[in-house]
């Protein structure tokens, strides 16, 4: 009776092995992947699959996140490798990557030169503290970023979200959520041989080339950027996918307003950065009192017609940036210390919109509020930026002096919350020039007037400083600071990423920008509960496994004895 039973077992084992071999052979020709996570963490979006599958040249990604890393960055590295492996599934021959440790060299000079090179390329370093074997701490520089090469062009991708308001684990989790968006948007930027066009309107006191130099450098990777004088020529903006009006301080003539209006009526996308109030920062920096007065840009009527209004007021916010003030007594050597300046609000970017999701605070200067107006059912309106819980409004004109810092603001005066500073408008807009005589416009030449737009979008921001980078003018030239960088705190706010997201959204990359809406649940351990029950779990972990093994051994011996006893 033993031989047939053994033969039957061998036959069953052979059939099982053959079934596995056959299944593996079939799966070579049938693509099957299952994602059992609740948030579909390992499922790429359709736009990602399409882009990676249609690559007509090799994409090579160099990731500078390797070597002996802290635990959090190890988790980030592992998640990034999983994302890149998913990319390779859809582009096995055209998508390649490599992890590099920039600190691998034993020579300090070579290592420092490599780190400087990466910084010059645009990779943002982060300092981490590590415990050394002697019980002390040492600082180490890590470059959590990548360089994407495609068709002889390359672009830098900074992968770490570094919001100081969040914990390290939260920042790393948000960074992991945005891996797919950052990588695929970079590849899309590198793909086209002919770039779409983007226009900065100037000629009305807008921010100059230096003041928008940093954002233009980033936009130039995706667009062919031009500075355009309208000149009253209707249709002059038609070749441009997106138009930016960045901080006009002079009256925009009616002829140029018609150019903007008809561009919008044709489906054009406009990003408005409009100051409600003029304030001379130069006068303040020299210690003088300056007058804040309404900015007469002459755009109120067309913005109102589209559904938005930039108000003539100033926001003060307890959540604000700092500025240096001289704390030395008169006659002593100047000593500067940072002090909060309530006229420089740090704005909140809500998480319920893909444009603003997971952004750092947004730095602003002398911001006004923006309102949505009108009851046009064909235009939807959403606010994109808001102040904190503790804000107040001041009407202009008013005098401003740095000595106001000496008087501590009273919290009871800051009794307004979530004042809006940016609004997204989408839909079919009416022309602001309907029923107006137009014979003298377009330099006297006839044109086809449109009284309603096709479906389009615009964004109205009531502070032009959000897109303005600092410029240091010295004897040997002018130096541009990164957009959003605060030289007093060495912190970079989310201004640049916000502007790039706004432009991408207006450029109709809605499916791509929606990738930023994906959310991976951060399943963190409760540190308080761990500390409170630490001893209990240590005892359980040390005693329970041996007890289980002893119980299994005892049960096995008991069963054997009973079997042999019968």
Protein backbone atom coordinates (compact mmCIF):
# COMPACT_ATOMS: atom_id res chain seq x y z
CA UNK A 1 0.00 0.00 0.00
CA UNK A 2 2.98 2.34 0.49
CA UNK A 3 4.31 2.20 -3.09
CA UNK A 4 1.10 3.31 -4.85
CA UNK A 5 0.69 6.17 -2.37
CA UNK A 6 4.27 7.31 -3.00
CA UNK A 7 3.77 7.01 -6.77
CA UNK A 8 0.58 9.06 -6.54
CA UNK A 9 2.41 11.80 -4.63
CA UNK A 10 5.19 11.92 -7.25
CA UNK A 11 2.62 12.20 -10.05
CA UNK A 12 0.81 15.02 -8.22
CA UNK A 13 4.09 16.89 -7.63
CA UNK A 14 5.09 16.46 -11.29
CA UNK A 15 1.71 17.78 -12.48
CA UNK A 16 2.00 20.76 -10.14
CA UNK A 17 5.47 21.66 -11.41
CA UNK A 18 4.37 21.28 -15.04
CA UNK A 19 1.38 23.53 -14.33
CA UNK A 20 3.66 26.23 -12.92
CA UNK A 21 5.96 25.99 -15.95
CA UNK A 22 2.99 26.21 -18.32
CA UNK A 23 1.55 29.19 -16.42
CA UNK A 24 4.92 30.98 -16.59
CA UNK A 25 5.15 30.32 -20.32
CA UNK A 26 1.65 31.73 -20.89
CA UNK A 27 2.40 34.84 -18.79
CA UNK A 28 5.36 35.57 -21.08
CA UNK A 29 2.80 36.46 -23.73
CA UNK A 30 0.09 37.88 -21.46
CA UNK A 31 0.78 41.08 -19.45
CA UNK A 32 -0.86 40.92 -16.03
CA UNK A 33 -0.23 43.11 -12.97
CA UNK A 34 -2.38 43.36 -9.85
CA UNK A 35 -2.30 46.34 -7.50
CA UNK A 36 -3.95 45.35 -4.22
CA UNK A 37 -3.23 48.62 -2.37
CA UNK A 38 -6.30 50.68 -1.44
CA UNK A 39 -4.94 53.88 -3.03
CA UNK A 40 -3.58 52.08 -6.14
CA UNK A 41 -0.04 53.09 -5.21
CA UNK A 42 1.58 50.97 -7.93
CA UNK A 43 -0.85 51.81 -10.77
CA UNK A 44 0.42 54.37 -13.27
CA UNK A 45 -1.95 56.88 -14.81
CA UNK A 46 -3.06 56.59 -18.42
CA UNK A 47 -1.06 59.67 -19.44
CA UNK A 48 2.11 58.14 -17.95
CA UNK A 49 1.57 54.82 -19.72
CA UNK A 50 0.97 56.63 -23.01
CA UNK A 51 4.04 58.88 -22.73
CA UNK A 52 6.44 56.09 -21.72
CA UNK A 53 5.08 53.65 -24.31
CA UNK A 54 5.44 56.19 -27.15
CA UNK A 55 9.05 57.26 -26.52
CA UNK A 56 10.96 57.40 -29.79
CA UNK A 57 14.38 57.66 -28.11
CA UNK A 58 16.02 56.51 -24.90
CA UNK A 59 15.23 58.32 -21.66
CA UNK A 60 18.02 57.97 -19.10
CA UNK A 61 17.43 59.05 -15.51
CA UNK A 62 20.37 59.62 -13.16
CA UNK A 63 19.15 59.55 -9.57
CA UNK A 64 21.53 61.02 -6.97
CA UNK A 65 20.07 59.14 -4.03
CA UNK A 66 22.29 56.20 -3.18
CA UNK A 67 24.82 55.08 -0.61
CA UNK A 68 24.54 55.05 3.17
CA UNK A 69 21.30 57.02 3.63
CA UNK A 70 19.16 57.77 6.70
CA UNK A 71 16.09 55.57 7.12
CA UNK A 72 13.65 58.12 5.72
CA UNK A 73 15.68 58.61 2.54
CA UNK A 74 16.11 54.84 2.24
CA UNK A 75 12.32 54.58 2.13
CA UNK A 76 12.24 57.36 -0.44
CA UNK A 77 14.90 55.59 -2.51
CA UNK A 78 13.00 52.29 -2.40
CA UNK A 79 9.71 53.95 -3.45
CA UNK A 80 11.45 55.80 -6.28
CA UNK A 81 12.99 52.58 -7.57
CA UNK A 82 9.55 50.96 -7.54
CA UNK A 83 8.15 53.89 -9.58
CA UNK A 84 11.01 53.72 -12.08
CA UNK A 85 10.53 49.96 -12.41
CA UNK A 86 6.87 50.58 -13.24
CA UNK A 87 8.02 53.01 -15.95
CA UNK A 88 10.30 50.31 -17.36
CA UNK A 89 7.37 47.91 -17.70
CA UNK A 90 5.84 50.21 -20.34
CA UNK A 91 9.18 51.26 -21.88
CA UNK A 92 11.51 48.28 -21.47
CA UNK A 93 13.87 49.34 -24.28
CA UNK A 94 13.53 53.13 -24.09
CA UNK A 95 13.48 53.86 -20.36
CA UNK A 96 16.59 53.34 -18.23
CA UNK A 97 17.78 54.63 -14.89
CA UNK A 98 20.78 54.57 -12.58
CA UNK A 99 21.24 55.37 -8.89
CA UNK A 100 24.41 57.32 -8.09
CA UNK A 101 26.09 58.18 -4.79
CA UNK A 102 27.66 61.65 -5.29
CA UNK A 103 29.73 61.20 -2.11
CA UNK A 104 31.33 57.90 -3.13
CA UNK A 105 34.80 59.35 -3.78
CA UNK A 106 37.34 58.99 -0.97
CA UNK A 107 38.97 62.29 -2.01
CA UNK A 108 37.39 65.31 -0.29
CA UNK A 109 38.34 67.65 -3.16
CA UNK A 110 36.74 65.39 -5.77
CA UNK A 111 33.67 64.92 -3.59
CA UNK A 112 33.26 68.66 -2.98
CA UNK A 113 33.70 69.40 -6.69
CA UNK A 114 30.95 66.89 -7.57
CA UNK A 115 28.57 68.38 -5.00
CA UNK A 116 29.23 71.90 -6.32
CA UNK A 117 28.59 70.67 -9.87
CA UNK A 118 25.22 69.18 -8.89
CA UNK A 119 24.26 72.41 -7.11
CA UNK A 120 25.21 74.46 -10.17
CA UNK A 121 23.02 72.22 -12.33
CA UNK A 122 20.03 73.10 -10.14
CA UNK A 123 19.76 70.14 -7.76
CA UNK A 124 18.72 71.38 -4.31
CA UNK A 125 20.75 69.90 -1.42
CA UNK A 126 19.39 69.09 2.00
CA UNK A 127 21.34 68.76 5.23
CA UNK A 128 20.70 65.75 7.46
CA UNK A 129 22.09 65.10 10.91
CA UNK A 130 23.50 61.67 11.69
CA UNK A 131 24.80 60.14 14.90
CA UNK A 132 28.43 59.04 14.73
CA UNK A 133 29.91 56.04 16.60
CA UNK A 134 31.25 58.36 19.31
CA UNK A 135 27.77 59.52 20.25
CA UNK A 136 27.96 62.93 18.57
CA UNK A 137 26.19 64.21 15.48
CA UNK A 138 27.55 65.06 12.06
CA UNK A 139 25.94 66.92 9.18
CA UNK A 140 25.78 65.43 5.72
CA UNK A 141 24.61 66.87 2.41
CA UNK A 142 22.20 64.80 0.32
CA UNK A 143 20.92 65.64 -3.16
CA UNK A 144 17.47 63.99 -3.37
CA UNK A 145 17.01 64.68 -7.06
CA UNK A 146 17.54 63.39 -10.57
CA UNK A 147 18.68 64.50 -14.00
CA UNK A 148 16.57 63.31 -16.96
CA UNK A 149 18.28 63.01 -20.37
CA UNK A 150 16.28 62.69 -23.59
CA UNK A 151 17.31 63.42 -27.19
CA UNK A 152 20.42 65.29 -26.09
CA UNK A 153 18.45 67.54 -23.75
CA UNK A 154 18.43 67.29 -19.98
CA UNK A 155 16.33 68.63 -17.13
CA UNK A 156 16.75 68.65 -13.37
CA UNK A 157 14.08 67.14 -11.08
CA UNK A 158 14.17 67.97 -7.37
CA UNK A 159 12.28 65.15 -5.70
CA UNK A 160 12.12 66.22 -2.04
CA UNK A 161 9.25 68.28 -0.72
CA UNK A 162 10.72 70.43 2.05
CA UNK A 163 7.81 72.12 3.82
CA UNK A 164 9.01 73.27 7.27
CA UNK A 165 5.44 73.14 8.57
CA UNK A 166 5.41 69.34 8.14
CA UNK A 167 7.37 66.56 9.79
CA UNK A 168 10.15 64.72 7.99
CA UNK A 169 7.96 61.64 7.47
CA UNK A 170 5.15 63.76 6.04
CA UNK A 171 7.53 65.55 3.67
CA UNK A 172 8.94 62.26 2.42
CA UNK A 173 5.46 60.81 1.97
CA UNK A 174 4.35 63.85 -0.07
CA UNK A 175 7.54 63.55 -2.13
CA UNK A 176 6.73 59.91 -2.89
CA UNK A 177 3.21 60.89 -3.97
CA UNK A 178 4.64 63.31 -6.54
CA UNK A 179 7.34 61.07 -8.06
CA UNK A 180 5.19 60.08 -11.04
CA UNK A 181 4.02 63.65 -11.70
CA UNK A 182 7.49 65.20 -11.49
CA UNK A 183 9.17 62.57 -13.66
CA UNK A 184 6.51 62.33 -16.37
CA UNK A 185 6.03 66.11 -16.58
CA UNK A 186 9.80 66.47 -17.06
CA UNK A 187 9.79 63.89 -19.87
CA UNK A 188 6.86 65.68 -21.53
CA UNK A 189 8.78 68.97 -21.38
CA UNK A 190 11.76 67.34 -23.11
CA UNK A 191 9.73 65.59 -25.84
CA UNK A 192 8.61 68.26 -28.33
CA UNK A 193 11.04 69.40 -30.99
CA UNK A 194 8.96 72.59 -31.43
CA UNK A 195 7.99 74.23 -28.15
CA UNK A 196 4.67 76.05 -27.66
CA UNK A 197 4.90 79.80 -27.16
CA UNK A 198 4.31 81.78 -23.98
CA UNK A 199 4.14 85.57 -23.75
CA UNK A 200 4.98 88.01 -20.97
CA UNK A 201 3.12 91.23 -21.79
CA UNK A 202 5.15 94.37 -21.14
CA UNK A 203 5.00 98.06 -21.94
CA UNK A 204 2.80 99.03 -18.98
CA UNK A 205 5.33 99.04 -16.14
CA UNK A 206 5.35 95.26 -15.71
CA UNK A 207 8.12 93.34 -13.96
CA UNK A 208 11.27 93.41 -16.07
CA UNK A 209 13.47 90.60 -17.44
CA UNK A 210 15.55 90.40 -14.25
CA UNK A 211 12.58 90.39 -11.88
CA UNK A 212 11.03 87.44 -13.75
CA UNK A 213 14.36 85.89 -14.74
CA UNK A 214 14.17 82.80 -12.54
CA UNK A 215 10.66 81.71 -13.53
CA UNK A 216 11.44 82.41 -17.20
CA UNK A 217 14.45 80.10 -16.97
CA UNK A 218 12.18 77.26 -15.78
CA UNK A 219 9.39 78.04 -18.24
CA UNK A 220 11.92 78.03 -21.08
CA UNK A 221 12.31 74.27 -20.64
CA UNK A 222 8.67 73.87 -21.65
CA UNK A 223 7.83 76.96 -23.72
CA UNK A 224 9.37 79.37 -26.15
CA UNK A 225 9.12 82.49 -23.97
CA UNK A 226 8.68 85.96 -25.50
CA UNK A 227 8.19 89.46 -24.12
CA UNK A 228 5.45 91.10 -26.15
CA UNK A 229 4.34 94.71 -26.63
CA UNK A 230 0.67 94.62 -27.63
CA UNK A 231 0.58 97.81 -29.68
CA UNK A 232 -3.20 97.64 -30.06
CA UNK A 233 -2.97 94.89 -32.70
CA UNK A 234 -5.88 92.47 -32.37
CA UNK A 235 -4.68 88.93 -33.00
CA UNK A 236 -1.12 89.69 -31.94
CA UNK A 237 -1.40 87.22 -29.07
CA UNK A 238 -3.00 84.39 -31.07
CA UNK A 239 0.26 82.39 -31.53
CA UNK A 240 0.73 82.10 -27.75
CA UNK A 241 -0.59 79.20 -25.69
CA UNK A 242 -0.46 81.16 -22.42
CA UNK A 243 -0.13 84.90 -21.70
CA UNK A 244 1.18 86.31 -18.40
CA UNK A 245 0.43 89.85 -17.23
CA UNK A 246 2.98 90.33 -14.45
CA UNK A 247 2.51 93.44 -12.34
CA UNK A 248 1.41 96.39 -14.52
CA UNK A 249 1.91 99.74 -12.75
CA UNK A 250 0.80 102.02 -15.61
CA UNK A 251 -2.63 102.38 -17.19
CA UNK A 252 -3.23 99.78 -19.86
CA UNK A 253 -4.80 101.63 -22.84
CA UNK A 254 -8.18 100.55 -24.16
CA UNK A 255 -6.62 99.39 -27.43
CA UNK A 256 -4.37 96.91 -25.59
CA UNK A 257 -7.25 95.78 -23.37
CA UNK A 258 -9.17 94.89 -26.54
CA UNK A 259 -6.21 92.77 -27.70
CA UNK A 260 -6.30 90.86 -24.41
CA UNK A 261 -10.09 90.59 -24.53
CA UNK A 262 -10.22 89.15 -28.04
CA UNK A 263 -7.38 86.75 -27.24
CA UNK A 264 -9.49 85.40 -24.38
CA UNK A 265 -12.58 85.26 -26.59
CA UNK A 266 -10.61 83.03 -28.94
CA UNK A 267 -9.86 80.59 -26.12
CA UNK A 268 -6.62 82.19 -24.90
CA UNK A 269 -5.37 81.54 -21.36
CA UNK A 270 -4.22 84.49 -19.21
CA UNK A 271 -2.42 84.45 -15.88
CA UNK A 272 -2.99 87.83 -14.22
CA UNK A 273 -0.62 89.04 -11.47
CA UNK A 274 -2.17 92.37 -10.52
CA UNK A 275 -1.18 94.53 -7.56
CA UNK A 276 -4.14 96.28 -5.96
CA UNK A 277 -1.85 98.74 -4.16
CA UNK A 278 1.46 100.44 -4.98
CA UNK A 279 4.09 100.56 -2.21
CA UNK A 280 7.66 101.80 -2.65
CA UNK A 281 9.92 99.17 -1.07
CA UNK A 282 12.99 101.29 -1.88
CA UNK A 283 11.66 104.08 0.35
CA UNK A 284 11.03 101.63 3.17
CA UNK A 285 14.49 100.09 2.90
CA UNK A 286 16.04 103.54 3.44
CA UNK A 287 13.99 104.08 6.59
CA UNK A 288 11.56 106.56 5.10
CA UNK A 289 7.80 106.56 5.40
CA UNK A 290 6.05 105.57 2.20
CA UNK A 291 2.50 106.00 0.99
CA UNK A 292 0.45 102.99 -0.08
CA UNK A 293 -2.05 104.05 -2.73
CA UNK A 294 -4.29 102.31 -5.29
CA UNK A 295 -2.58 100.91 -8.36
CA UNK A 296 -4.19 102.56 -11.39
CA UNK A 297 -3.69 99.76 -13.93
CA UNK A 298 -7.03 100.35 -15.71
CA UNK A 299 -7.89 96.64 -15.83
CA UNK A 300 -10.70 96.71 -13.27
CA UNK A 301 -13.52 96.84 -15.81
CA UNK A 302 -12.48 93.83 -17.92
CA UNK A 303 -11.59 91.71 -14.88
CA UNK A 304 -14.97 92.60 -13.37
CA UNK A 305 -16.68 91.58 -16.61
CA UNK A 306 -14.92 88.20 -16.50
CA UNK A 307 -15.91 87.65 -12.85
CA UNK A 308 -13.06 88.88 -10.63
CA UNK A 309 -12.11 92.04 -8.76
CA UNK A 310 -8.74 93.00 -7.28
CA UNK A 311 -9.48 95.21 -4.28
CA UNK A 312 -7.70 98.39 -3.22
CA UNK A 313 -6.68 97.22 0.24
CA UNK A 314 -3.71 95.74 2.07
CA UNK A 315 -3.56 92.46 3.97
CA UNK A 316 -1.81 92.10 7.30
CA UNK A 317 -1.27 88.57 8.60
CA UNK A 318 0.20 87.14 11.80
CA UNK A 319 1.58 84.31 9.61
CA UNK A 320 4.20 86.36 7.81
CA UNK A 321 7.77 86.54 6.56
CA UNK A 322 10.56 88.31 8.43
CA UNK A 323 12.69 91.30 7.49
CA UNK A 324 15.95 92.53 9.07
CA UNK A 325 15.76 95.58 11.32
CA UNK A 326 18.53 97.52 13.03
CA UNK A 327 18.35 96.87 16.78
CA UNK A 328 21.46 98.87 17.69
CA UNK A 329 21.17 102.08 19.66
CA UNK A 330 21.73 105.36 17.87
CA UNK A 331 25.46 105.96 17.33
CA UNK A 332 26.37 102.27 17.68
CA UNK A 333 27.45 99.89 14.93
CA UNK A 334 24.31 98.66 13.16
CA UNK A 335 23.12 95.22 14.32
CA UNK A 336 20.36 93.60 12.31
CA UNK A 337 17.92 90.99 13.58
CA UNK A 338 14.96 89.37 11.83
CA UNK A 339 11.51 90.56 12.82
CA UNK A 340 8.07 89.52 11.56
CA UNK A 341 6.57 91.94 9.05
CA UNK A 342 2.80 91.56 8.87
CA UNK A 343 2.67 93.19 5.44
CA UNK A 344 4.45 90.11 3.99
CA UNK A 345 1.82 87.35 4.45
CA UNK A 346 2.76 83.70 4.03
CA UNK A 347 -0.23 82.35 2.13
CA UNK A 348 -1.79 78.91 2.46
CA UNK A 349 -2.23 76.75 -0.63
CA UNK A 350 -5.29 74.48 -0.13
CA UNK A 351 -4.95 70.74 -0.72
CA UNK A 352 -8.30 70.41 -2.51
CA UNK A 353 -6.98 71.60 -5.88
CA UNK A 354 -4.28 69.89 -7.97
CA UNK A 355 -2.68 73.27 -8.73
CA UNK A 356 -1.95 73.95 -5.08
CA UNK A 357 -1.85 70.49 -3.52
CA UNK A 358 1.14 69.78 -1.25
CA UNK A 359 2.75 73.17 -1.86
CA UNK A 360 4.86 74.98 0.69
CA UNK A 361 3.65 78.33 2.01
CA UNK A 362 3.59 81.09 -0.63
CA UNK A 363 5.54 84.27 0.09
CA UNK A 364 3.78 87.54 -0.78
CA UNK A 365 4.45 91.25 -0.25
CA UNK A 366 1.81 93.94 0.24
CA UNK A 367 -0.91 91.65 -1.06
CA UNK A 368 -4.52 92.67 -1.63
CA UNK A 369 -7.65 90.55 -1.66
CA UNK A 370 -9.38 89.25 -4.77
CA UNK A 371 -13.14 88.72 -4.98
CA UNK A 372 -15.30 86.81 -7.42
CA UNK A 373 -18.20 88.88 -8.77
CA UNK A 374 -21.21 88.39 -10.97
CA UNK A 375 -23.68 85.54 -11.31
CA UNK A 376 -22.65 84.22 -14.71
CA UNK A 377 -23.66 80.52 -14.60
CA UNK A 378 -21.23 79.74 -17.42
CA UNK A 379 -18.17 80.66 -15.33
CA UNK A 380 -17.04 78.56 -12.35
CA UNK A 381 -14.80 80.18 -9.74
CA UNK A 382 -12.46 78.71 -7.14
CA UNK A 383 -9.99 80.33 -4.77
CA UNK A 384 -6.41 79.05 -4.90
CA UNK A 385 -4.59 81.03 -2.18
CA UNK A 386 -5.77 82.25 1.21
CA UNK A 387 -4.36 83.97 4.27
CA UNK A 388 -4.15 82.35 7.71
CA UNK A 389 -6.73 82.36 10.50
CA UNK A 390 -5.36 85.63 11.89
CA UNK A 391 -5.55 88.37 9.27
CA UNK A 392 -6.82 91.90 8.93
CA UNK A 393 -7.53 94.38 6.13
CA UNK A 394 -6.40 98.00 5.82
CA UNK A 395 -7.91 100.47 3.40
CA UNK A 396 -5.66 102.71 1.33
CA UNK A 397 -4.24 105.28 1.05
CA UNK A 398 -2.18 104.85 4.22
CA UNK A 399 1.36 105.50 5.43
CA UNK A 400 3.76 102.62 6.11
CA UNK A 401 7.00 102.80 8.10
CA UNK A 402 9.34 100.10 9.38
CA UNK A 403 9.00 101.58 12.87
CA UNK A 404 5.59 99.94 12.98
CA UNK A 405 7.46 96.71 13.80
CA UNK A 406 8.33 98.15 17.22
CA UNK A 407 4.67 98.06 18.25
CA UNK A 408 3.63 94.43 18.69
CA UNK A 409 0.40 93.65 16.83
CA UNK A 410 -2.60 92.80 18.96
CA UNK A 411 -4.04 89.39 18.19
CA UNK A 412 -7.59 90.66 18.72
CA UNK A 413 -7.16 93.04 15.76
CA UNK A 414 -6.43 90.11 13.44
CA UNK A 415 -9.96 88.77 13.43
CA UNK A 416 -10.36 87.84 9.75
CA UNK A 417 -9.64 84.40 8.34
CA UNK A 418 -8.81 82.87 4.96
CA UNK A 419 -8.85 86.06 2.88
CA UNK A 420 -8.58 85.08 -0.83
CA UNK A 421 -5.55 86.19 -2.86
CA UNK A 422 -5.88 84.09 -6.04
CA UNK A 423 -8.88 82.84 -8.02
CA UNK A 424 -9.28 80.34 -10.87
CA UNK A 425 -12.03 81.19 -13.38
CA UNK A 426 -13.20 78.64 -15.96
CA UNK A 427 -15.95 78.70 -18.54
CA UNK A 428 -17.39 80.90 -21.27
CA UNK A 429 -16.57 84.57 -20.70
CA UNK A 430 -18.46 87.57 -22.13
CA UNK A 431 -16.45 90.23 -23.93
CA UNK A 432 -15.79 93.44 -22.04
CA UNK A 433 -16.22 95.39 -25.30
CA UNK A 434 -19.73 94.31 -26.28
CA UNK A 435 -21.88 97.25 -27.49
CA UNK A 436 -18.89 99.58 -27.66
CA UNK A 437 -17.85 101.45 -30.84
CA UNK A 438 -14.76 99.67 -32.18
CA UNK A 439 -13.98 101.45 -35.45
CA UNK A 440 -10.95 103.27 -34.00
CA UNK A 441 -9.40 100.11 -32.52
CA UNK A 442 -6.91 97.68 -34.08
CA UNK A 443 -5.00 100.67 -35.47
CA UNK A 444 -7.99 101.46 -37.71
CA UNK A 445 -7.99 98.06 -39.46
CA UNK A 446 -11.17 95.93 -39.59
CA UNK A 447 -11.28 92.71 -37.52
CA UNK A 448 -13.74 89.98 -36.63
CA UNK A 449 -15.16 90.82 -33.19
CA UNK A 450 -16.09 87.99 -30.81
CA UNK A 451 -18.64 88.78 -28.09
CA UNK A 452 -18.27 85.47 -26.19
CA UNK A 453 -15.34 83.17 -25.64
CA UNK A 454 -15.05 79.49 -26.30
CA UNK A 455 -14.49 77.51 -23.05
CA UNK A 456 -11.23 78.69 -21.50
CA UNK A 457 -9.54 79.49 -18.17
CA UNK A 458 -7.78 82.35 -16.43
CA UNK A 459 -6.19 82.86 -13.02
CA UNK A 460 -6.25 86.20 -11.18
CA UNK A 461 -3.62 86.76 -8.45
CA UNK A 462 -3.78 89.96 -6.41
CA UNK A 463 -0.05 90.23 -5.72
CA UNK A 464 2.57 90.47 -8.48
CA UNK A 465 5.39 89.82 -5.99
CA UNK A 466 4.41 86.14 -5.99
CA UNK A 467 6.05 85.80 -9.43
CA UNK A 468 8.88 88.29 -8.77
CA UNK A 469 12.34 87.07 -7.74
CA UNK A 470 14.78 89.24 -5.80
CA UNK A 471 17.53 90.96 -7.77
CA UNK A 472 20.84 92.02 -6.20
CA UNK A 473 22.44 94.80 -8.22
CA UNK A 474 26.17 95.22 -7.65
CA UNK A 475 29.04 96.92 -9.33
CA UNK A 476 29.93 93.80 -11.31
CA UNK A 477 26.37 93.06 -12.47
CA UNK A 478 22.94 91.92 -11.35
CA UNK A 479 22.28 88.62 -9.59
CA UNK A 480 18.95 86.82 -9.65
CA UNK A 481 17.76 84.90 -6.58
CA UNK A 482 15.59 81.80 -6.98
CA UNK A 483 11.88 82.58 -6.99
CA UNK A 484 10.47 82.08 -3.50
CA UNK A 485 13.88 82.13 -1.80
CA UNK A 486 14.07 84.14 1.43
CA UNK A 487 17.64 85.24 2.00
CA UNK A 488 16.93 86.15 5.64
CA UNK A 489 15.81 82.64 6.65
CA UNK A 490 17.50 80.64 3.85
CA UNK A 491 14.12 79.05 3.17
CA UNK A 492 12.55 78.49 -0.23
CA UNK A 493 8.79 78.98 -0.36
CA UNK A 494 6.46 77.41 -2.91
CA UNK A 495 6.17 80.36 -5.32
CA UNK A 496 8.00 78.80 -8.25
CA UNK A 497 6.16 75.49 -8.10
CA UNK A 498 2.86 77.37 -7.80
CA UNK A 499 3.48 79.45 -10.93
CA UNK A 500 4.63 76.40 -12.91
CA UNK A 501 1.50 74.49 -11.85
CA UNK A 502 -0.70 77.42 -12.84
CA UNK A 503 0.88 77.64 -16.28
CA UNK A 504 0.64 73.87 -16.81
CA UNK A 505 -3.01 73.90 -15.82
CA UNK A 506 -3.81 76.75 -18.20
CA UNK A 507 -1.89 74.99 -20.95
CA UNK A 508 -4.58 72.33 -20.68
CA UNK A 509 -2.43 69.63 -19.13
CA UNK A 510 -5.37 68.84 -16.83
CA UNK A 511 -4.78 65.08 -16.91
CA UNK A 512 -1.12 65.62 -16.08
CA UNK A 513 -1.76 68.16 -13.34
CA UNK A 514 -4.34 65.82 -11.80
CA UNK A 515 -1.50 63.42 -11.03
CA UNK A 516 -0.70 65.80 -8.18
CA UNK A 517 -4.10 64.92 -6.69
CA UNK A 518 -3.09 61.34 -5.92
CA UNK A 519 -2.85 60.65 -2.21
CA UNK A 520 -0.93 57.86 -0.51
CA UNK A 521 -1.96 57.29 3.07
CA UNK A 522 0.81 57.90 5.56
CA UNK A 523 0.58 55.03 8.02
CA UNK A 524 2.81 56.28 10.82
CA UNK A 525 3.26 54.65 14.19
CA UNK A 526 1.89 56.44 17.25
CA UNK A 527 5.10 57.44 19.01
CA UNK A 528 3.34 58.26 22.27
CA UNK A 529 1.65 54.85 22.38
CA UNK A 530 4.97 53.17 21.54
CA UNK A 531 6.73 54.83 24.47
CA UNK A 532 3.90 54.09 26.89
CA UNK A 533 3.71 50.37 25.99
CA UNK A 534 7.35 49.83 25.12
CA UNK A 535 8.14 47.39 27.98
CA UNK A 536 5.01 45.36 27.36
CA UNK A 537 5.79 44.82 23.69
CA UNK A 538 9.44 44.05 24.42
CA UNK A 539 8.36 41.28 26.80
CA UNK A 540 5.83 39.96 24.27
CA UNK A 541 8.37 39.97 21.42
CA UNK A 542 11.00 38.21 23.52
CA UNK A 543 8.81 35.56 25.19
CA UNK A 544 5.92 34.86 22.79
CA UNK A 545 7.93 33.35 19.85
CA UNK A 546 9.79 30.80 22.07
CA UNK A 547 6.52 29.88 23.81
CA UNK A 548 4.83 29.30 20.46
CA UNK A 549 7.70 27.08 19.32
CA UNK A 550 7.58 25.11 22.58
CA UNK A 551 3.82 24.67 22.22
CA UNK A 552 4.17 23.44 18.65
CA UNK A 553 6.95 21.01 19.68
CA UNK A 554 4.88 19.70 22.60
CA UNK A 555 1.83 19.22 20.37
CA UNK A 556 3.93 17.39 17.77
CA UNK A 557 5.39 15.05 20.40
CA UNK A 558 1.93 14.39 21.81
CA UNK A 559 0.56 13.52 18.34
CA UNK A 560 3.52 11.19 17.60
CA UNK A 561 3.10 9.35 20.89
CA UNK A 562 -0.60 8.81 20.31
CA UNK A 563 0.02 7.64 16.72
CA UNK A 564 2.67 5.09 17.76
CA UNK A 565 0.64 4.02 20.76
CA UNK A 566 -2.17 2.85 18.47
